[in-house]
Amino acid sequence: MSQLLTNIPGSLEAALEEEVTRSGRSTSSVVTAALARYLERPVHTVFQVSTSGALVAGVYDREVSVQTVLEHGNFGLGTFANLDGEMVIVDGHVYQVHGSGRVTEAAGDAGAPFAVVTWFDPDIDVSIPSVASFRDLEARCDGFRSSGNIFYALRLDGQFKRVRTRAVNPPARGTRLVEAAQAQSEFTFADVDGTLVGLWSPGFASAFSVAGYHFHFLSADRQHGGHLLDVQAGTLQVKVEALTSFHLALPESEAFLKADLSKNTAEELAYAEQAH
């Protein structure tokens, strides 16, 4: 967090003190919230386009552009129209990991049916020792979460001994996600520098998002990446931000409006997230 030294009129100072007393929040919290509203730059906020249930049901046409996604965050993940690969958003750049394994930077007018982003501002920045597996990674990251009822953004940088990823390939129109996942491409990389972009969502989010950890990988040279399936790594630098606000933008396309999204799709989504 950065410190800000500024001069304000006495009337505003008095109003600020009254609000701090009334709300029980810190001065920093009140000022940050006020600046965020004025500058239209939400803080500690998850912005999500569409729902995971819509993806599972086969609704993955273009809903928004990449440029629109970047108007709501500089860090996150998602997929592209017609499930054409994995989306990795790092430092305000959107990368597309194609089913062929090729990685390109997505154009601003590229379409996205689903994305989750935030303006990344970590409050934890530490290093962790070697990671032996995906489950070990989850356990290490658990130690940075103080609650099971809010969202978290996580970034891990370093050298990875072994990374296993996948990228979906465009299926026939309307194919459910579990069927599309059976034709996914899988990749294994060794001794590669890179970044893990991760989001953790609470259990209640399973109705509209991916509950638990969801990681995408991108190599430092921007040549390799994908949805993370397994990992081994040496020392990693970990940055974590607690996210206490959630904004869900629902599509207005005919496919979404007419889709039957009443079913519990958690099991199908969990299957699609795994290796095949």
Protein backbone atom coordinates (compact mmCIF):
# COMPACT_ATOMS: atom_id res chain seq x y z
CA MET A 1 0.00 0.00 0.00
CA SER A 2 1.23 3.49 -0.88
CA GLN A 3 1.10 6.45 1.50
CA LEU A 4 -0.55 9.71 0.44
CA LEU A 5 0.22 13.07 2.05
CA THR A 6 -2.21 15.82 1.11
CA ASN A 7 -3.91 18.98 2.36
CA ILE A 8 -7.70 19.12 2.72
CA PRO A 9 -10.09 21.81 4.00
CA GLY A 10 -11.02 21.70 7.67
CA SER A 11 -14.67 21.03 6.80
CA LEU A 12 -13.71 17.88 4.90
CA GLU A 13 -11.41 16.79 7.72
CA ALA A 14 -14.28 17.15 10.21
CA ALA A 15 -16.61 15.21 7.91
CA LEU A 16 -13.97 12.51 7.50
CA GLU A 17 -13.56 12.17 11.27
CA GLU A 18 -17.34 11.93 11.69
CA GLU A 19 -17.53 9.15 9.10
CA VAL A 20 -14.66 7.25 10.73
CA THR A 21 -16.44 7.45 14.09
CA ARG A 22 -19.82 6.53 12.63
CA SER A 23 -18.68 3.60 10.51
CA GLY A 24 -15.89 2.25 12.69
CA ARG A 25 -13.67 2.07 9.61
CA SER A 26 -10.13 3.40 9.44
CA THR A 27 -9.31 6.77 7.91
CA SER A 28 -7.38 4.97 5.17
CA SER A 29 -10.39 2.78 4.36
CA VAL A 30 -12.80 5.72 4.09
CA VAL A 31 -10.44 7.81 1.94
CA THR A 32 -9.69 4.85 -0.33
CA ALA A 33 -13.40 4.15 -0.84
CA ALA A 34 -14.09 7.81 -1.62
CA LEU A 35 -11.25 8.01 -4.16
CA ALA A 36 -12.35 4.75 -5.76
CA ARG A 37 -15.86 6.08 -6.32
CA TYR A 38 -14.65 9.46 -7.64
CA LEU A 39 -12.07 7.95 -10.00
CA GLU A 40 -14.37 5.04 -10.95
CA ARG A 41 -11.62 2.60 -10.09
CA PRO A 42 -13.05 -0.06 -7.74
CA VAL A 43 -10.61 -1.57 -5.25
CA HIS A 44 -10.54 -5.11 -3.82
CA THR A 45 -13.25 -5.98 -6.35
CA VAL A 46 -13.78 -9.03 -8.53
CA PHE A 47 -15.39 -8.26 -11.89
CA GLN A 48 -16.79 -11.32 -13.67
CA VAL A 49 -18.34 -11.62 -17.11
CA SER A 50 -21.06 -14.31 -17.33
CA THR A 51 -21.18 -17.44 -15.18
CA SER A 52 -19.36 -20.75 -15.08
CA GLY A 53 -22.75 -22.46 -15.42
CA ALA A 54 -23.27 -20.79 -18.78
CA LEU A 55 -19.93 -22.15 -19.99
CA VAL A 56 -20.82 -25.62 -18.80
CA ALA A 57 -24.11 -25.39 -20.69
CA GLY A 58 -22.32 -24.52 -23.92
CA VAL A 59 -22.93 -20.75 -23.93
CA TYR A 60 -19.58 -19.42 -25.02
CA ASP A 61 -20.18 -17.03 -27.89
CA ARG A 62 -18.65 -13.55 -27.74
CA GLU A 63 -20.20 -11.56 -24.89
CA VAL A 64 -17.67 -8.73 -24.45
CA SER A 65 -14.44 -7.58 -26.04
CA VAL A 66 -10.99 -7.92 -24.52
CA GLN A 67 -10.86 -4.13 -24.34
CA THR A 68 -14.01 -4.13 -22.19
CA VAL A 69 -12.46 -6.72 -19.89
CA LEU A 70 -9.39 -4.50 -19.43
CA GLU A 71 -11.61 -1.59 -18.43
CA HIS A 72 -12.42 -3.54 -15.27
CA GLY A 73 -9.04 -4.97 -14.26
CA ASN A 74 -5.40 -5.64 -15.13
CA PHE A 75 -5.06 -9.14 -13.68
CA GLY A 76 -7.16 -12.27 -14.13
CA LEU A 77 -8.18 -15.17 -16.34
CA GLY A 78 -10.91 -16.48 -18.58
CA THR A 79 -11.45 -17.91 -22.05
CA PHE A 80 -12.17 -16.69 -25.56
CA ALA A 81 -15.19 -16.84 -27.83
CA ASN A 82 -16.04 -20.39 -28.94
CA LEU A 83 -13.67 -21.70 -26.24
CA ASP A 84 -10.71 -20.81 -28.41
CA GLY A 85 -7.97 -21.26 -25.80
CA GLU A 86 -7.16 -19.98 -22.33
CA MET A 87 -7.02 -16.32 -21.28
CA VAL A 88 -4.24 -15.06 -19.01
CA ILE A 89 -4.24 -11.40 -17.95
CA VAL A 90 -0.99 -10.07 -16.48
CA ASP A 91 0.07 -6.44 -15.97
CA GLY A 92 -2.78 -5.18 -18.14
CA HIS A 93 -1.97 -7.45 -21.10
CA VAL A 94 -4.27 -10.23 -22.28
CA TYR A 95 -2.65 -13.39 -23.65
CA GLN A 96 -4.34 -16.21 -25.54
CA VAL A 97 -3.00 -19.75 -25.12
CA HIS A 98 -4.26 -21.59 -28.18
CA GLY A 99 -5.03 -25.29 -28.37
CA SER A 100 -1.92 -25.67 -30.53
CA GLY A 101 0.17 -24.40 -27.61
CA ARG A 102 0.99 -21.11 -29.35
CA VAL A 103 0.67 -17.97 -27.20
CA THR A 104 -0.33 -14.62 -28.67
CA GLU A 105 -1.32 -11.28 -27.20
CA ALA A 106 -5.03 -10.85 -27.84
CA ALA A 107 -6.32 -7.89 -29.83
CA GLY A 108 -8.63 -5.46 -28.10
CA ASP A 109 -11.57 -6.46 -30.29
CA ALA A 110 -11.17 -10.20 -29.58
CA GLY A 111 -14.29 -11.71 -28.01
CA ALA A 112 -14.68 -13.29 -24.58
CA PRO A 113 -17.63 -15.26 -23.16
CA PHE A 114 -16.21 -15.50 -19.63
CA ALA A 115 -13.54 -13.61 -17.70
CA VAL A 116 -12.66 -12.77 -14.10
CA VAL A 117 -10.49 -9.72 -13.42
CA THR A 118 -9.41 -7.30 -10.71
CA TRP A 119 -7.18 -4.24 -10.31
CA PHE A 120 -4.41 -6.18 -8.58
CA ASP A 121 -3.11 -4.44 -5.45
CA PRO A 122 -1.62 -7.13 -3.18
CA ASP A 123 -1.40 -6.69 0.57
CA ILE A 124 0.85 -9.76 1.00
CA ASP A 125 4.23 -10.10 -0.74
CA VAL A 126 6.39 -12.99 0.52
CA SER A 127 8.42 -15.92 -0.77
CA ILE A 128 7.64 -19.58 -0.19
CA PRO A 129 9.95 -22.63 -0.47
CA SER A 130 9.62 -25.40 -3.02
CA VAL A 131 6.19 -26.62 -4.17
CA ALA A 132 5.83 -30.35 -4.82
CA SER A 133 2.40 -30.56 -6.49
CA PHE A 134 -0.86 -28.75 -7.19
CA ARG A 135 -2.23 -29.90 -3.84
CA ASP A 136 0.89 -28.64 -2.12
CA LEU A 137 0.44 -25.31 -3.90
CA GLU A 138 -3.14 -25.12 -2.62
CA ALA A 139 -2.01 -25.88 0.93
CA ARG A 140 0.69 -23.18 0.81
CA CYS A 141 -1.79 -20.62 -0.52
CA ASP A 142 -4.33 -21.56 2.16
CA GLY A 143 -1.97 -20.04 4.71
CA PHE A 144 -2.47 -16.60 3.17
CA ARG A 145 -6.27 -16.68 3.40
CA SER A 146 -7.83 -15.37 6.59
CA SER A 147 -11.40 -16.23 5.58
CA GLY A 148 -13.31 -18.80 3.59
CA ASN A 149 -16.05 -16.33 2.72
CA ILE A 150 -14.32 -13.76 0.50
CA PHE A 151 -12.37 -13.92 -2.76
CA TYR A 152 -8.60 -13.79 -3.23
CA ALA A 153 -6.30 -12.92 -6.13
CA LEU A 154 -2.90 -14.62 -6.13
CA ARG A 155 0.21 -14.13 -8.23
CA LEU A 156 3.21 -16.47 -7.99
CA ASP A 157 6.45 -15.73 -9.87
CA GLY A 158 9.63 -17.77 -10.12
CA GLN A 159 11.24 -20.77 -11.75
CA PHE A 160 9.05 -23.81 -12.24
CA LYS A 161 10.66 -27.24 -12.37
CA ARG A 162 7.65 -28.79 -14.06
CA VAL A 163 4.35 -27.31 -15.18
CA ARG A 164 1.46 -29.24 -16.69
CA THR A 165 -1.23 -27.19 -18.41
CA ARG A 166 -4.12 -27.53 -20.81
CA ALA A 167 -5.81 -25.38 -23.44
CA VAL A 168 -9.29 -25.99 -24.81
CA ASN A 169 -9.89 -26.30 -28.54
CA PRO A 170 -12.97 -24.80 -30.25
CA PRO A 171 -15.75 -27.44 -30.21
CA ALA A 172 -18.88 -27.66 -32.31
CA ARG A 173 -21.37 -24.92 -31.47
CA GLY A 174 -23.45 -25.70 -28.36
CA THR A 175 -21.21 -28.55 -27.14
CA ARG A 176 -21.31 -28.80 -23.35
CA LEU A 177 -18.05 -28.02 -21.58
CA VAL A 178 -17.48 -31.56 -20.29
CA GLU A 179 -17.54 -32.88 -23.86
CA ALA A 180 -15.31 -30.07 -25.14
CA ALA A 181 -12.80 -30.80 -22.37
CA GLN A 182 -12.27 -34.33 -23.63
CA ALA A 183 -10.58 -32.89 -26.71
CA GLN A 184 -8.39 -30.41 -24.85
CA SER A 185 -4.66 -30.14 -25.56
CA GLU A 186 -2.27 -30.79 -22.67
CA PHE A 187 1.31 -29.57 -22.32
CA THR A 188 4.25 -30.16 -19.98
CA PHE A 189 7.07 -27.65 -19.52
CA ALA A 190 10.30 -28.11 -17.56
CA ASP A 191 12.65 -25.59 -15.93
CA VAL A 192 10.78 -22.51 -17.08
CA ASP A 193 10.45 -19.06 -15.52
CA GLY A 194 6.93 -17.80 -15.35
CA THR A 195 3.86 -16.56 -13.52
CA LEU A 196 0.80 -18.20 -12.04
CA VAL A 197 -2.32 -16.06 -12.15
CA GLY A 198 -4.78 -17.36 -9.59
CA LEU A 199 -8.17 -16.71 -8.06
CA TRP A 200 -9.70 -18.37 -5.03
CA SER A 201 -13.48 -18.32 -4.70
CA PRO A 202 -15.54 -19.41 -1.66
CA GLY A 203 -17.80 -22.44 -1.73
CA PHE A 204 -20.99 -20.42 -2.13
CA ALA A 205 -19.59 -19.10 -5.45
CA SER A 206 -19.95 -22.55 -7.05
CA ALA A 207 -23.38 -21.46 -8.30
CA PHE A 208 -21.79 -18.92 -10.65
CA SER A 209 -17.99 -19.33 -10.60
CA VAL A 210 -15.15 -21.81 -10.07
CA ALA A 211 -15.07 -22.53 -6.34
CA GLY A 212 -11.64 -22.99 -4.79
CA TYR A 213 -8.40 -22.32 -6.63
CA HIS A 214 -8.24 -21.58 -10.35
CA PHE A 215 -4.78 -20.95 -11.84
CA HIS A 216 -3.52 -20.11 -15.31
CA PHE A 217 0.19 -20.18 -16.17
CA LEU A 218 2.23 -17.92 -18.46
CA SER A 219 5.96 -18.30 -19.09
CA ALA A 220 8.21 -15.26 -18.71
CA ASP A 221 9.04 -15.32 -22.42
CA ARG A 222 5.29 -15.43 -23.24
CA GLN A 223 5.75 -18.60 -25.28
CA HIS A 224 3.98 -21.16 -23.08
CA GLY A 225 0.95 -21.26 -20.84
CA GLY A 226 -2.50 -22.60 -20.13
CA HIS A 227 -4.88 -23.70 -17.41
CA LEU A 228 -2.81 -25.23 -14.60
CA LEU A 229 -3.19 -28.97 -14.01
CA ASP A 230 -0.09 -29.73 -11.94
CA VAL A 231 3.09 -28.00 -10.82
CA GLN A 232 6.50 -28.42 -9.21
CA ALA A 233 8.61 -25.38 -8.38
CA GLY A 234 11.47 -24.00 -6.36
CA THR A 235 11.19 -20.80 -4.34
CA LEU A 236 8.29 -18.64 -5.52
CA GLN A 237 7.40 -15.02 -4.84
CA VAL A 238 3.77 -14.87 -3.74
CA LYS A 239 1.53 -11.81 -3.85
CA VAL A 240 -2.01 -12.00 -2.46
CA GLU A 241 -4.93 -9.60 -2.35
CA ALA A 242 -8.15 -10.11 -0.39
CA LEU A 243 -11.17 -9.18 -2.52
CA THR A 244 -14.27 -8.13 -0.60
CA SER A 245 -16.55 -6.95 -3.39
CA PHE A 246 -17.97 -8.92 -6.32
CA HIS A 247 -19.52 -7.59 -9.53
CA LEU A 248 -21.21 -9.99 -11.94
CA ALA A 249 -22.03 -8.73 -15.44
CA LEU A 250 -24.65 -10.99 -17.03
CA PRO A 251 -24.73 -11.31 -20.83
CA GLU A 252 -27.69 -10.10 -22.87
CA SER A 253 -27.19 -12.47 -25.80
CA GLU A 254 -30.06 -14.66 -26.96
CA ALA A 255 -28.06 -17.81 -26.21
CA PHE A 256 -27.59 -16.78 -22.57
CA LEU A 257 -31.12 -15.49 -22.04
CA LYS A 258 -32.66 -18.72 -23.37
CA ALA A 259 -30.24 -21.20 -21.77
CA ASP A 260 -31.40 -23.45 -18.94
CA LEU A 261 -28.98 -22.52 -16.17
CA SER A 262 -31.07 -23.89 -13.31
CA LYS A 263 -29.08 -27.11 -12.93
CA ASN A 264 -26.24 -27.58 -10.46
CA THR A 265 -23.19 -27.73 -12.71
CA ALA A 266 -20.48 -27.97 -10.02
CA GLU A 267 -19.65 -31.62 -10.78
CA GLU A 268 -19.47 -31.03 -14.54
CA LEU A 269 -17.26 -27.97 -13.99
CA ALA A 270 -14.94 -29.90 -11.66
CA TYR A 271 -14.59 -32.63 -14.31
CA ALA A 272 -13.82 -30.07 -17.03
CA GLU A 273 -11.11 -28.47 -14.88
CA GLN A 274 -9.15 -31.73 -14.60
CA ALA A 275 -6.65 -33.46 -16.86
CA HIS A 276 -8.08 -35.88 -19.45
